[in-house]
Amino acid sequence: MLIMNNSKFFLRKSFKKQRSLLDINQVKGLSKRIFENLLELNIWDKSFYHLYLSNQINNEVETDEIVNLLFMKNKRVFVPKIQGKDLLNIEIDNNTKYSLNQLGIREPISSNQKDASLLEVIFVPLLIFDKLGHRVGYGGGYYDKFLGNIKDDVLKIGLSLFEPIDKIQDIERHDIRLDYSITPKRVYDFTLG
């Protein structure tokens, strides 16, 4: 697909639309391939993982299989909870109860907040990314702010239903690059460049 305007605004609109055209079975199939590619990454020796809980309404890459794998490996798992303009880092386990927030996103009811300085791996939601490791999110700025306050050595991994575009035009200083992005076709490694 030829995209003439690579501003975040245009890309956000375009890829929200493309994602909305996928049916639930397509998203499930693509998510399964992303999960299989993710297993190739050498990240499973870490202890503290943060990941978003996927939202079926927005056809997000499904993350429940990743959560289950982390629990199986006895890892500590954290998910976001929105409070005002901030993302809280909430620890979950197999007994955690959830509710939907004002954006229709599943969040833990508990407020078992932990310091984000514990984190070693963060799975970052996105709509699209570019070949340099920059991402376009939903525009709320929650993850930009969250990622701006973590240690530099934390691995940031994007999960994308789509292959990257060449370049996002309007990258700003506060935009944090991904270390990896996983698509249904392959793993993109941005740690080398």
Protein backbone atom coordinates (compact mmCIF):
# COMPACT_ATOMS: atom_id res chain seq x y z
CA MET A 1 0.00 0.00 0.00
CA LEU A 2 1.40 3.38 -1.00
CA ILE A 3 1.19 5.96 1.78
CA MET A 4 1.95 9.51 0.70
CA ASN A 5 1.67 11.25 4.06
CA ASN A 6 3.67 9.65 6.88
CA SER A 7 2.67 12.01 9.68
CA LYS A 8 1.55 10.36 12.91
CA PHE A 9 -1.93 11.86 12.53
CA PHE A 10 -2.38 10.40 9.03
CA LEU A 11 -0.81 7.05 9.93
CA ARG A 12 -2.96 6.73 13.07
CA LYS A 13 -6.12 7.33 11.05
CA SER A 14 -5.05 5.06 8.19
CA PHE A 15 -3.95 2.08 10.30
CA LYS A 16 -6.92 2.30 12.68
CA LYS A 17 -9.08 1.96 9.57
CA GLN A 18 -7.01 -0.93 8.16
CA ARG A 19 -7.15 -2.73 11.49
CA SER A 20 -10.91 -2.21 11.76
CA LEU A 21 -11.35 -4.06 8.46
CA LEU A 22 -9.84 -7.26 9.90
CA ASP A 23 -12.25 -9.82 11.30
CA ILE A 24 -11.70 -11.58 14.63
CA ASN A 25 -10.36 -14.75 12.98
CA GLN A 26 -7.79 -12.77 10.99
CA VAL A 27 -6.61 -11.01 14.16
CA LYS A 28 -6.40 -14.36 16.00
CA GLY A 29 -4.38 -15.93 13.17
CA LEU A 30 -2.00 -12.97 12.85
CA SER A 31 -1.61 -12.80 16.65
CA LYS A 32 -0.71 -16.50 16.76
CA ARG A 33 2.06 -15.95 14.17
CA ILE A 34 3.32 -12.93 16.11
CA PHE A 35 3.44 -15.07 19.28
CA GLU A 36 5.38 -17.80 17.45
CA ASN A 37 7.91 -15.23 16.17
CA LEU A 38 8.17 -13.71 19.64
CA LEU A 39 9.27 -17.07 21.03
CA GLU A 40 12.46 -16.74 18.94
CA LEU A 41 13.60 -13.70 20.94
CA ASN A 42 16.11 -14.31 23.69
CA ILE A 43 14.15 -12.46 26.39
CA TRP A 44 12.74 -15.25 28.55
CA ASP A 45 15.55 -15.20 31.14
CA LYS A 46 14.28 -11.90 32.58
CA SER A 47 12.05 -11.70 35.66
CA PHE A 48 9.87 -8.56 35.31
CA TYR A 49 7.58 -8.06 32.28
CA HIS A 50 5.05 -5.34 31.54
CA LEU A 51 2.49 -5.77 28.77
CA TYR A 52 -0.77 -4.26 27.68
CA LEU A 53 -3.96 -6.31 27.84
CA SER A 54 -5.31 -6.56 24.31
CA ASN A 55 -8.57 -4.94 23.35
CA GLN A 56 -10.70 -6.95 20.89
CA ILE A 57 -12.81 -3.89 20.03
CA ASN A 58 -9.69 -2.24 18.54
CA ASN A 59 -8.42 -5.47 16.94
CA GLU A 60 -5.18 -5.28 18.92
CA VAL A 61 -2.57 -8.03 18.78
CA GLU A 62 -3.76 -10.52 21.38
CA THR A 63 -1.53 -10.74 24.45
CA ASP A 64 -3.33 -13.34 26.61
CA GLU A 65 -1.05 -16.11 25.29
CA ILE A 66 2.00 -14.07 26.32
CA VAL A 67 0.54 -13.52 29.81
CA ASN A 68 -0.10 -17.26 30.15
CA LEU A 69 3.44 -18.10 29.01
CA LEU A 70 4.93 -15.67 31.53
CA PHE A 71 2.86 -17.16 34.35
CA MET A 72 3.91 -20.65 33.26
CA LYS A 73 7.55 -19.53 33.43
CA ASN A 74 6.97 -18.08 36.94
CA LYS A 75 7.71 -14.53 35.82
CA ARG A 76 6.34 -11.42 37.49
CA VAL A 77 3.78 -9.77 35.20
CA PHE A 78 2.64 -6.14 35.22
CA VAL A 79 -0.07 -4.42 33.19
CA PRO A 80 -1.08 -0.78 32.75
CA LYS A 81 -3.87 0.94 34.61
CA ILE A 82 -4.79 4.48 33.60
CA GLN A 83 -5.05 7.05 36.35
CA GLY A 84 -5.64 10.56 35.05
CA LYS A 85 -2.87 11.18 32.48
CA ASP A 86 -0.58 8.46 33.91
CA LEU A 87 -0.09 4.75 33.41
CA LEU A 88 0.29 2.84 36.64
CA ASN A 89 2.33 -0.36 36.65
CA ILE A 90 0.07 -2.98 38.32
CA GLU A 91 1.23 -6.50 39.16
CA ILE A 92 -1.17 -9.30 38.23
CA ASP A 93 -1.43 -13.03 38.87
CA ASN A 94 -3.79 -15.85 37.91
CA ASN A 95 -6.38 -14.63 40.46
CA THR A 96 -6.52 -10.99 39.32
CA LYS A 97 -10.00 -9.63 38.61
CA TYR A 98 -10.54 -7.10 35.82
CA SER A 99 -12.98 -4.39 34.76
CA LEU A 100 -13.20 -2.16 31.69
CA ASN A 101 -11.95 1.42 32.02
CA GLN A 102 -13.45 4.53 30.38
CA LEU A 103 -11.65 3.66 27.10
CA GLY A 104 -13.01 0.10 27.04
CA ILE A 105 -9.63 -1.35 28.04
CA ARG A 106 -9.40 -4.26 30.48
CA GLU A 107 -7.61 -3.26 33.68
CA PRO A 108 -7.02 -5.00 37.01
CA ILE A 109 -9.44 -3.95 39.72
CA SER A 110 -6.65 -4.12 42.31
CA SER A 111 -4.21 -1.30 42.74
CA ASN A 112 -1.15 -3.45 43.43
CA GLN A 113 1.11 -0.77 41.95
CA LYS A 114 4.83 -1.46 41.66
CA ASP A 115 7.70 0.83 40.76
CA ALA A 116 8.41 0.71 37.02
CA SER A 117 12.15 0.61 37.82
CA LEU A 118 11.70 -3.15 38.36
CA LEU A 119 10.82 -3.73 34.71
CA GLU A 120 13.15 -5.51 32.30
CA VAL A 121 10.85 -6.03 29.29
CA ILE A 122 7.90 -3.91 28.13
CA PHE A 123 5.51 -4.98 25.35
CA VAL A 124 4.30 -1.74 23.81
CA PRO A 125 0.98 -1.31 21.98
CA LEU A 126 1.11 0.38 18.59
CA LEU A 127 -0.75 0.90 15.34
CA ILE A 128 2.28 0.96 13.04
CA PHE A 129 6.06 1.33 13.27
CA ASP A 130 8.82 2.33 10.89
CA LYS A 131 12.08 0.71 9.80
CA LEU A 132 13.98 2.81 12.36
CA GLY A 133 12.01 1.47 15.34
CA HIS A 134 9.69 4.43 15.90
CA ARG A 135 6.03 3.74 16.61
CA VAL A 136 2.66 5.38 16.19
CA GLY A 137 0.39 4.73 19.16
CA TYR A 138 -3.17 5.83 19.79
CA GLY A 139 -2.28 9.45 20.47
CA GLY A 140 -3.03 9.56 24.20
CA GLY A 141 0.64 9.81 25.12
CA TYR A 142 0.32 7.34 28.00
CA TYR A 143 3.08 5.01 26.83
CA ASP A 144 5.33 7.86 25.62
CA LYS A 145 5.27 9.29 29.14
CA PHE A 146 5.63 5.84 30.75
CA LEU A 147 8.59 4.88 28.53
CA GLY A 148 10.23 8.24 29.19
CA ASN A 149 10.47 7.36 32.89
CA ILE A 150 12.09 3.92 32.74
CA LYS A 151 15.69 2.74 32.73
CA ASP A 152 17.50 2.86 29.37
CA ASP A 153 18.29 -0.87 29.39
CA VAL A 154 14.65 -2.02 29.54
CA LEU A 155 13.75 -3.92 26.35
CA LYS A 156 10.87 -2.27 24.49
CA ILE A 157 9.05 -4.65 22.16
CA GLY A 158 6.29 -3.63 19.78
CA LEU A 159 3.68 -6.09 18.51
CA SER A 160 2.31 -5.19 15.08
CA LEU A 161 -0.27 -6.73 12.77
CA PHE A 162 1.40 -4.85 9.88
CA GLU A 163 4.87 -4.71 8.39
CA PRO A 164 6.77 -1.42 8.92
CA ILE A 165 6.53 1.67 6.80
CA ASP A 166 9.79 3.30 5.67
CA LYS A 167 9.76 6.32 7.97
CA ILE A 168 7.43 8.26 10.25
CA GLN A 169 7.87 11.93 9.35
CA ASP A 170 7.19 13.79 12.58
CA ILE A 171 9.27 11.99 15.22
CA GLU A 172 9.92 14.17 18.25
CA ARG A 173 12.66 14.13 20.88
CA HIS A 174 10.39 12.50 23.50
CA ASP A 175 9.49 9.59 21.17
CA ILE A 176 11.18 6.44 22.46
CA ARG A 177 12.43 3.89 19.91
CA LEU A 178 11.56 0.23 20.15
CA ASP A 179 14.29 -2.37 20.57
CA TYR A 180 12.29 -4.97 18.65
CA SER A 181 9.04 -5.18 16.78
CA ILE A 182 7.32 -8.47 16.04
CA THR A 183 5.02 -8.94 13.06
CA PRO A 184 3.32 -12.06 11.68
CA LYS A 185 6.21 -12.37 9.19
CA ARG A 186 9.33 -11.72 11.28
CA VAL A 187 11.25 -10.12 14.14
CA TYR A 188 12.66 -6.63 13.52
CA ASP A 189 15.76 -5.88 15.62
CA PHE A 190 16.55 -2.21 16.20
CA THR A 191 19.26 -2.80 18.82
CA LEU A 192 22.03 -2.92 16.23
CA GLY A 193 21.53 0.48 14.61
